[in-house]
Protein backbone atom coordinates (compact mmCIF):
# COMPACT_ATOMS: atom_id res chain seq x y z
CA MET A 1 -18.37 104.05 52.26
CA ILE A 2 -15.46 105.21 54.39
CA SER A 3 -12.11 103.40 54.32
CA TYR A 4 -8.72 104.25 55.83
CA TRP A 5 -5.42 103.72 53.99
CA LYS A 6 -1.87 103.91 55.30
CA CYS A 7 1.11 104.24 52.97
CA LYS A 8 3.82 101.68 53.62
CA GLU A 9 5.24 100.11 50.46
CA GLY A 10 2.02 101.19 48.86
CA PHE A 11 -1.37 102.01 50.32
CA ASN A 12 -2.94 99.31 52.48
CA GLU A 13 -6.29 99.46 54.20
CA ILE A 14 -6.39 99.77 57.99
CA ASN A 15 -9.26 99.41 60.42
CA GLN A 16 -9.30 102.90 61.90
CA TRP A 17 -7.93 106.35 61.36
CA LYS A 18 -4.32 107.06 62.21
CA SER A 19 -2.39 110.26 61.90
CA GLY A 20 -1.24 110.87 58.33
CA CYS A 21 -3.47 108.20 56.76
CA TRP A 22 -5.73 108.72 53.75
CA ILE A 23 -9.48 108.71 54.39
CA LYS A 24 -11.15 107.51 51.21
CA VAL A 25 -14.86 108.32 51.08
CA THR A 26 -16.90 106.95 48.17
CA ASN A 27 -20.60 107.68 47.63
CA PRO A 28 -21.12 108.46 51.35
CA THR A 29 -24.44 108.28 53.16
CA ALA A 30 -25.80 111.07 55.36
CA GLU A 31 -24.76 109.10 58.44
CA GLU A 32 -21.19 108.74 57.20
CA LEU A 33 -20.96 112.46 56.45
CA SER A 34 -22.27 113.24 59.92
CA LEU A 35 -19.61 110.93 61.37
CA LEU A 36 -16.88 112.78 59.46
CA ARG A 37 -18.32 116.08 60.60
CA GLU A 38 -18.26 115.05 64.25
CA ARG A 39 -14.80 113.47 64.06
CA PHE A 40 -12.91 115.93 61.89
CA ALA A 41 -15.20 118.99 61.70
CA ILE A 42 -15.22 118.97 57.90
CA PRO A 43 -17.26 121.67 56.10
CA LEU A 44 -20.30 119.71 54.86
CA ASP A 45 -21.49 122.52 52.57
CA PHE A 46 -18.38 122.06 50.49
CA ILE A 47 -18.82 118.29 50.48
CA HIS A 48 -22.39 118.59 49.23
CA ASP A 49 -21.10 120.60 46.25
CA ALA A 50 -19.34 117.44 45.08
CA GLN A 51 -22.74 115.87 44.39
CA ASP A 52 -23.17 118.28 41.49
CA ILE A 53 -21.87 116.48 38.39
CA GLU A 54 -21.14 119.87 36.78
CA GLU A 55 -19.14 121.29 39.71
CA ARG A 56 -16.09 123.19 38.43
CA PRO A 57 -12.51 122.66 39.67
CA ARG A 58 -11.34 125.17 42.27
CA VAL A 59 -9.28 125.72 45.41
CA ASP A 60 -10.75 127.17 48.59
CA HIS A 61 -10.05 127.54 52.32
CA GLU A 62 -12.44 127.18 55.23
CA ASP A 63 -11.80 126.61 58.95
CA ASN A 64 -8.09 125.80 58.39
CA TRP A 65 -9.02 123.28 55.68
CA MET A 66 -7.58 123.43 52.19
CA LEU A 67 -10.40 122.35 49.89
CA VAL A 68 -9.52 121.26 46.37
CA PHE A 69 -12.02 120.36 43.67
CA ILE A 70 -10.67 118.48 40.66
CA ARG A 71 -12.39 116.57 37.88
CA VAL A 72 -11.41 112.97 37.20
CA PRO A 73 -12.16 110.95 34.05
CA ARG A 74 -14.78 108.22 34.12
CA LYS A 75 -15.74 105.47 31.69
CA HIS A 76 -18.94 103.45 31.78
CA ILE A 77 -21.11 101.31 29.52
CA ASP A 78 -24.62 102.58 28.87
CA GLU A 79 -27.76 100.47 28.53
CA ASP A 80 -27.18 100.14 24.77
CA GLY A 81 -23.70 98.67 25.31
CA GLU A 82 -21.92 101.80 24.09
CA THR A 83 -18.79 103.07 25.84
CA GLN A 84 -19.33 106.50 27.38
CA PHE A 85 -16.66 108.87 28.70
CA THR A 86 -17.27 111.75 31.07
CA THR A 87 -15.69 113.53 34.01
CA THR A 88 -16.83 113.70 37.63
CA PRO A 89 -15.87 115.90 40.60
CA LEU A 90 -13.49 114.72 43.30
CA VAL A 91 -13.03 116.81 46.43
CA VAL A 92 -9.83 116.70 48.48
CA LEU A 93 -9.68 118.09 52.03
CA ILE A 94 -6.34 118.69 53.77
CA ARG A 95 -5.71 119.95 57.29
CA ASP A 96 -2.61 119.19 59.32
CA ASP A 97 -2.34 115.39 59.36
CA VAL A 98 -5.84 114.74 57.97
CA PHE A 99 -6.25 113.92 54.27
CA ILE A 100 -9.74 113.12 52.93
CA THR A 101 -11.03 112.46 49.42
CA VAL A 102 -14.76 112.39 48.71
CA SER A 103 -16.33 111.14 45.48
CA PHE A 104 -20.03 110.56 44.86
CA TYR A 105 -19.36 108.77 41.56
CA ASP A 106 -17.53 105.53 40.82
CA ASN A 107 -14.31 105.82 38.82
CA GLU A 108 -11.18 103.79 38.17
CA VAL A 109 -8.70 106.47 39.17
CA LEU A 110 -8.55 105.94 42.95
CA ASP A 111 -8.58 102.13 42.89
CA ASP A 112 -5.88 102.07 40.22
CA PHE A 113 -3.89 104.61 42.22
CA ILE A 114 -3.85 102.22 45.18
CA THR A 115 -2.72 99.35 42.96
CA TRP A 116 -0.04 101.54 41.38
CA SER A 117 1.26 102.65 44.79
CA ARG A 118 1.74 99.00 45.81
CA ARG A 119 3.51 98.22 42.58
CA ARG A 120 5.83 101.19 43.05
CA ARG A 121 6.20 100.46 46.79
CA LEU A 122 5.56 104.06 47.79
CA ASN A 123 6.44 105.10 51.30
CA ALA A 124 5.30 107.99 53.51
CA THR A 125 3.22 109.68 50.83
CA LYS A 126 0.86 112.05 52.60
CA GLY A 127 -0.40 115.60 52.72
CA TYR A 128 0.37 117.78 49.73
CA ASP A 129 2.58 115.15 48.09
CA LEU A 130 -0.38 112.75 48.17
CA LEU A 131 -2.53 115.43 46.54
CA LEU A 132 0.07 115.92 43.81
CA THR A 133 0.35 112.15 43.31
CA LEU A 134 -3.43 111.91 42.89
CA LEU A 135 -3.31 114.72 40.34
CA LEU A 136 -0.55 112.88 38.51
CA SER A 137 -2.58 109.66 38.48
CA THR A 138 -5.63 111.59 37.25
CA SER A 139 -3.66 113.04 34.33
CA VAL A 140 -2.34 109.59 33.43
CA TRP A 141 -5.89 108.24 33.33
CA TYR A 142 -6.94 111.09 31.07
CA LEU A 143 -4.20 109.98 28.69
CA LYS A 144 -5.30 106.32 28.92
CA TYR A 145 -8.89 107.18 28.05
CA LEU A 146 -7.74 109.49 25.25
CA LYS A 147 -5.82 106.59 23.72
CA GLN A 148 -8.97 104.46 23.89
CA MET A 149 -10.94 107.25 22.24
CA ASN A 150 -8.35 107.46 19.47
CA THR A 151 -8.64 103.71 18.89
CA MET A 152 -12.44 104.00 18.70
CA LEU A 153 -12.08 106.96 16.35
CA ASN A 154 -9.77 105.05 13.99
CA ALA A 155 -12.13 102.05 13.98
CA ALA A 156 -15.11 104.27 13.17
CA GLU A 157 -13.11 105.96 10.41
CA GLU A 158 -12.29 102.60 8.81
CA ARG A 159 -15.95 101.55 8.89
CA ILE A 160 -17.06 104.86 7.40
CA GLU A 161 -14.58 104.50 4.54
CA LYS A 162 -16.22 101.19 3.66
CA LYS A 163 -19.76 102.41 4.12
CA MET A 164 -21.07 105.84 5.06
CA ASP A 165 -23.32 104.90 7.96
CA ASN A 166 -25.35 107.24 10.17
CA ASP A 167 -24.59 105.22 13.30
CA GLU A 168 -20.85 105.65 12.79
CA LEU A 169 -21.24 109.37 12.18
CA LEU A 170 -23.28 109.69 15.38
CA ARG A 171 -20.63 107.68 17.24
CA MET A 172 -17.95 110.10 16.04
CA MET A 173 -20.09 113.03 17.15
CA GLY A 174 -20.31 111.39 20.58
CA LEU A 175 -16.52 111.09 20.74
CA GLY A 176 -16.30 114.78 19.92
CA LYS A 177 -18.59 115.53 22.85
CA PHE A 178 -16.43 113.40 25.18
CA LEU A 179 -13.30 115.22 24.03
CA ILE A 180 -14.92 118.56 24.83
CA TYR A 181 -15.69 117.26 28.34
CA PHE A 182 -12.06 116.23 28.76
CA ILE A 183 -10.64 119.49 27.46
CA THR A 184 -12.90 121.58 29.69
CA SER A 185 -12.06 119.48 32.77
CA LEU A 186 -8.33 119.48 32.05
CA LYS A 187 -8.33 123.26 31.69
CA GLY A 188 -10.08 123.51 35.04
CA ASN A 189 -7.56 121.14 36.62
CA ALA A 190 -4.73 123.16 35.11
CA THR A 191 -6.15 126.30 36.73
CA VAL A 192 -6.29 124.48 40.07
CA MET A 193 -2.71 123.34 39.55
CA ALA A 194 -1.57 126.90 38.91
CA ARG A 195 -3.20 128.11 42.14
CA LEU A 196 -1.79 125.16 44.10
CA LYS A 197 1.68 125.91 42.80
CA MET A 198 1.46 129.41 44.23
CA ARG A 199 0.16 128.16 47.59
CA LEU A 200 2.69 125.34 47.90
CA ARG A 201 5.69 127.66 47.64
CA SER A 202 5.69 128.09 51.41
CA LEU A 203 4.55 124.54 52.20
CA PRO A 204 6.53 121.28 52.25
CA HIS A 205 6.18 119.38 49.00
CA ASP A 206 8.14 117.44 46.39
CA GLU A 207 9.22 119.91 43.70
CA ASP A 208 10.03 117.16 41.17
CA LEU A 209 6.58 115.64 41.67
CA LEU A 210 4.99 119.03 41.12
CA GLU A 211 6.86 119.37 37.82
CA ASP A 212 5.80 115.86 36.75
CA VAL A 213 2.15 116.73 37.41
CA GLU A 214 2.40 119.87 35.30
CA ILE A 215 4.00 117.97 32.43
CA GLU A 216 1.46 115.12 32.44
CA MET A 217 -1.49 117.49 32.75
CA GLN A 218 -0.27 119.64 29.87
CA GLN A 219 0.37 116.54 27.76
CA ALA A 220 -3.17 115.30 28.42
CA LEU A 221 -4.61 118.70 27.50
CA ASP A 222 -2.53 118.92 24.30
CA THR A 223 -3.48 115.37 23.31
CA ALA A 224 -7.19 116.02 23.85
CA SER A 225 -6.98 119.25 21.84
CA ILE A 226 -5.17 117.49 18.96
CA TYR A 227 -7.73 114.68 18.85
CA SER A 228 -10.57 117.20 18.96
CA ASN A 229 -9.10 119.19 16.05
CA ILE A 230 -8.55 116.02 14.02
CA LEU A 231 -12.11 114.88 14.67
CA GLU A 232 -13.48 118.28 13.70
CA GLN A 233 -11.55 118.19 10.40
CA GLN A 234 -12.77 114.66 9.72
CA GLN A 235 -16.36 115.67 10.31
CA GLU A 236 -15.96 118.59 7.92
CA THR A 237 -14.46 116.22 5.34
CA TYR A 238 -17.30 113.73 5.74
CA SER A 239 -19.81 116.57 5.39
CA SER A 240 -18.14 117.59 2.13
CA VAL A 241 -18.17 113.98 0.89
CA ILE A 242 -21.85 113.63 1.75
CA GLY A 243 -22.57 116.93 -0.01
CA ASN A 244 -20.67 115.80 -3.12
CA ASN A 245 -22.50 112.46 -3.17
CA LEU A 246 -25.81 114.28 -2.87
CA ASN A 247 -24.86 116.58 -5.76
CA ARG A 248 -24.01 113.56 -7.94
CA ILE A 249 -27.32 111.92 -7.12
CA MET A 250 -29.22 115.12 -7.90
CA LYS A 251 -27.31 115.52 -11.17
CA THR A 252 -28.15 111.94 -12.18
CA LEU A 253 -31.82 112.46 -11.34
CA THR A 254 -31.82 115.70 -13.32
CA ILE A 255 -30.35 113.95 -16.38
CA VAL A 256 -32.89 111.13 -16.15
CA THR A 257 -35.72 113.67 -15.77
CA ILE A 258 -34.59 115.63 -18.85
CA LEU A 259 -34.25 112.48 -20.96
CA LEU A 260 -37.65 111.17 -19.87
CA MET A 261 -39.23 114.55 -20.57
CA VAL A 262 -38.64 114.13 -24.35
CA PRO A 263 -40.84 111.03 -24.87
CA THR A 264 -43.34 112.49 -22.44
CA VAL A 265 -43.77 115.61 -24.59
CA ILE A 266 -44.01 113.59 -27.82
CA ALA A 267 -46.47 111.15 -26.29
CA GLY A 268 -48.52 114.10 -25.07
CA TYR A 269 -48.80 115.59 -28.54
CA TYR A 270 -49.42 112.24 -30.18
CA GLY A 271 -52.06 111.23 -27.69
CA MET A 272 -54.12 114.44 -27.94
CA ASN A 273 -57.76 114.05 -28.87
CA VAL A 274 -57.36 116.21 -32.02
CA PRO A 275 -56.50 115.31 -35.60
CA ASN A 276 -52.73 115.17 -36.08
CA GLY A 277 -52.35 113.28 -39.39
CA MET A 278 -51.05 110.14 -37.74
CA GLU A 279 -54.20 108.78 -36.14
CA ASN A 280 -54.98 106.65 -39.22
CA TRP A 281 -51.34 105.97 -40.15
CA PRO A 282 -50.40 102.36 -39.31
CA TYR A 283 -46.81 103.40 -38.52
CA GLY A 284 -47.74 106.40 -36.38
CA PHE A 285 -46.96 104.79 -33.03
CA PRO A 286 -43.60 103.29 -34.13
CA PHE A 287 -42.75 106.67 -35.65
CA ALA A 288 -43.46 108.45 -32.36
CA ILE A 289 -41.27 105.91 -30.54
CA ALA A 290 -38.46 106.37 -33.05
CA VAL A 291 -38.61 110.16 -32.81
CA SER A 292 -38.52 109.92 -29.00
CA VAL A 293 -35.47 107.66 -29.09
CA VAL A 294 -33.66 109.90 -31.57
CA LEU A 295 -34.37 113.05 -29.60
CA MET A 296 -33.33 111.37 -26.35
CA ALA A 297 -30.07 110.28 -28.01
CA CYS A 298 -29.49 113.81 -29.25
CA CYS A 299 -30.10 115.26 -25.78
CA TYR A 300 -27.75 112.69 -24.28
CA LEU A 301 -25.00 113.48 -26.81
CA PHE A 302 -25.48 117.20 -26.29
CA MET A 303 -25.18 116.93 -22.51
CA ARG A 304 -22.17 114.67 -22.87
CA HIS A 305 -20.50 117.04 -25.31
CA SER A 306 -21.20 120.03 -23.05
CA LYS A 307 -19.53 118.14 -20.12
CA PHE A 308 -22.77 118.20 -18.18
CA PHE A 309 -21.81 114.84 -16.61
CA LYS A 310 -18.59 116.13 -15.07
């Protein structure tokens, strides 16, 4: 789908392209890409790269176009009802008074950016300043999703403290995977930002906006790294707790096995098919039971005295 947006007290949709407007392309068809190619002579090879979910952030130039790949955060609900976080590529094309964004995956960043621009009543945001504003909005959304991850992490931690459940441990492992996605994408965006900063030195742009983008992007990267380190330490702690619980269970089973071995040995000797002096004694069986109990008590006291239970 192709839509055209003009910035006047926020972005508002218009019917056709005008100089300096934003061309927002979402999940385009082959016909729509051909239309863009004929109208604006965009490099389609670069656009097709955006279909690759693993495409890395980068900056490139081709036929007077500045081509910028960034990765934006995305949240969706899977078929099991679980919240999933990932990142998807967004390509930005800039040439003279033409500004185009192309995304083959749905995300909340662009729609929220439009709503935010109306709330802030932005005016005349175009070109490189629009690119920087999109990067700023992307970093803010990374922070929003990181806060949601932290809330999910705290909830899972509380449930695990009550009951060590495999589902909660797997959910925490999933959050760790999402954080790795975010950290990798933010590092790539930071690299793009560093290259853009060098290129924008000789181009008109808002220096304060550029600084705000750098601050927000670094904050998002630091936050993701902190959450990832905390989650890693928690997983190591839970692994130690599980190991200690397993050791206690094995120790208990060992004690029970040793104690049960005593009457087993006595019953084995007593039940042998050979004369033992007690086969005709009316108190032979009670005597064997009594000896078993006494020896078990002695073994128990010995293990307790030797601090075997600690």
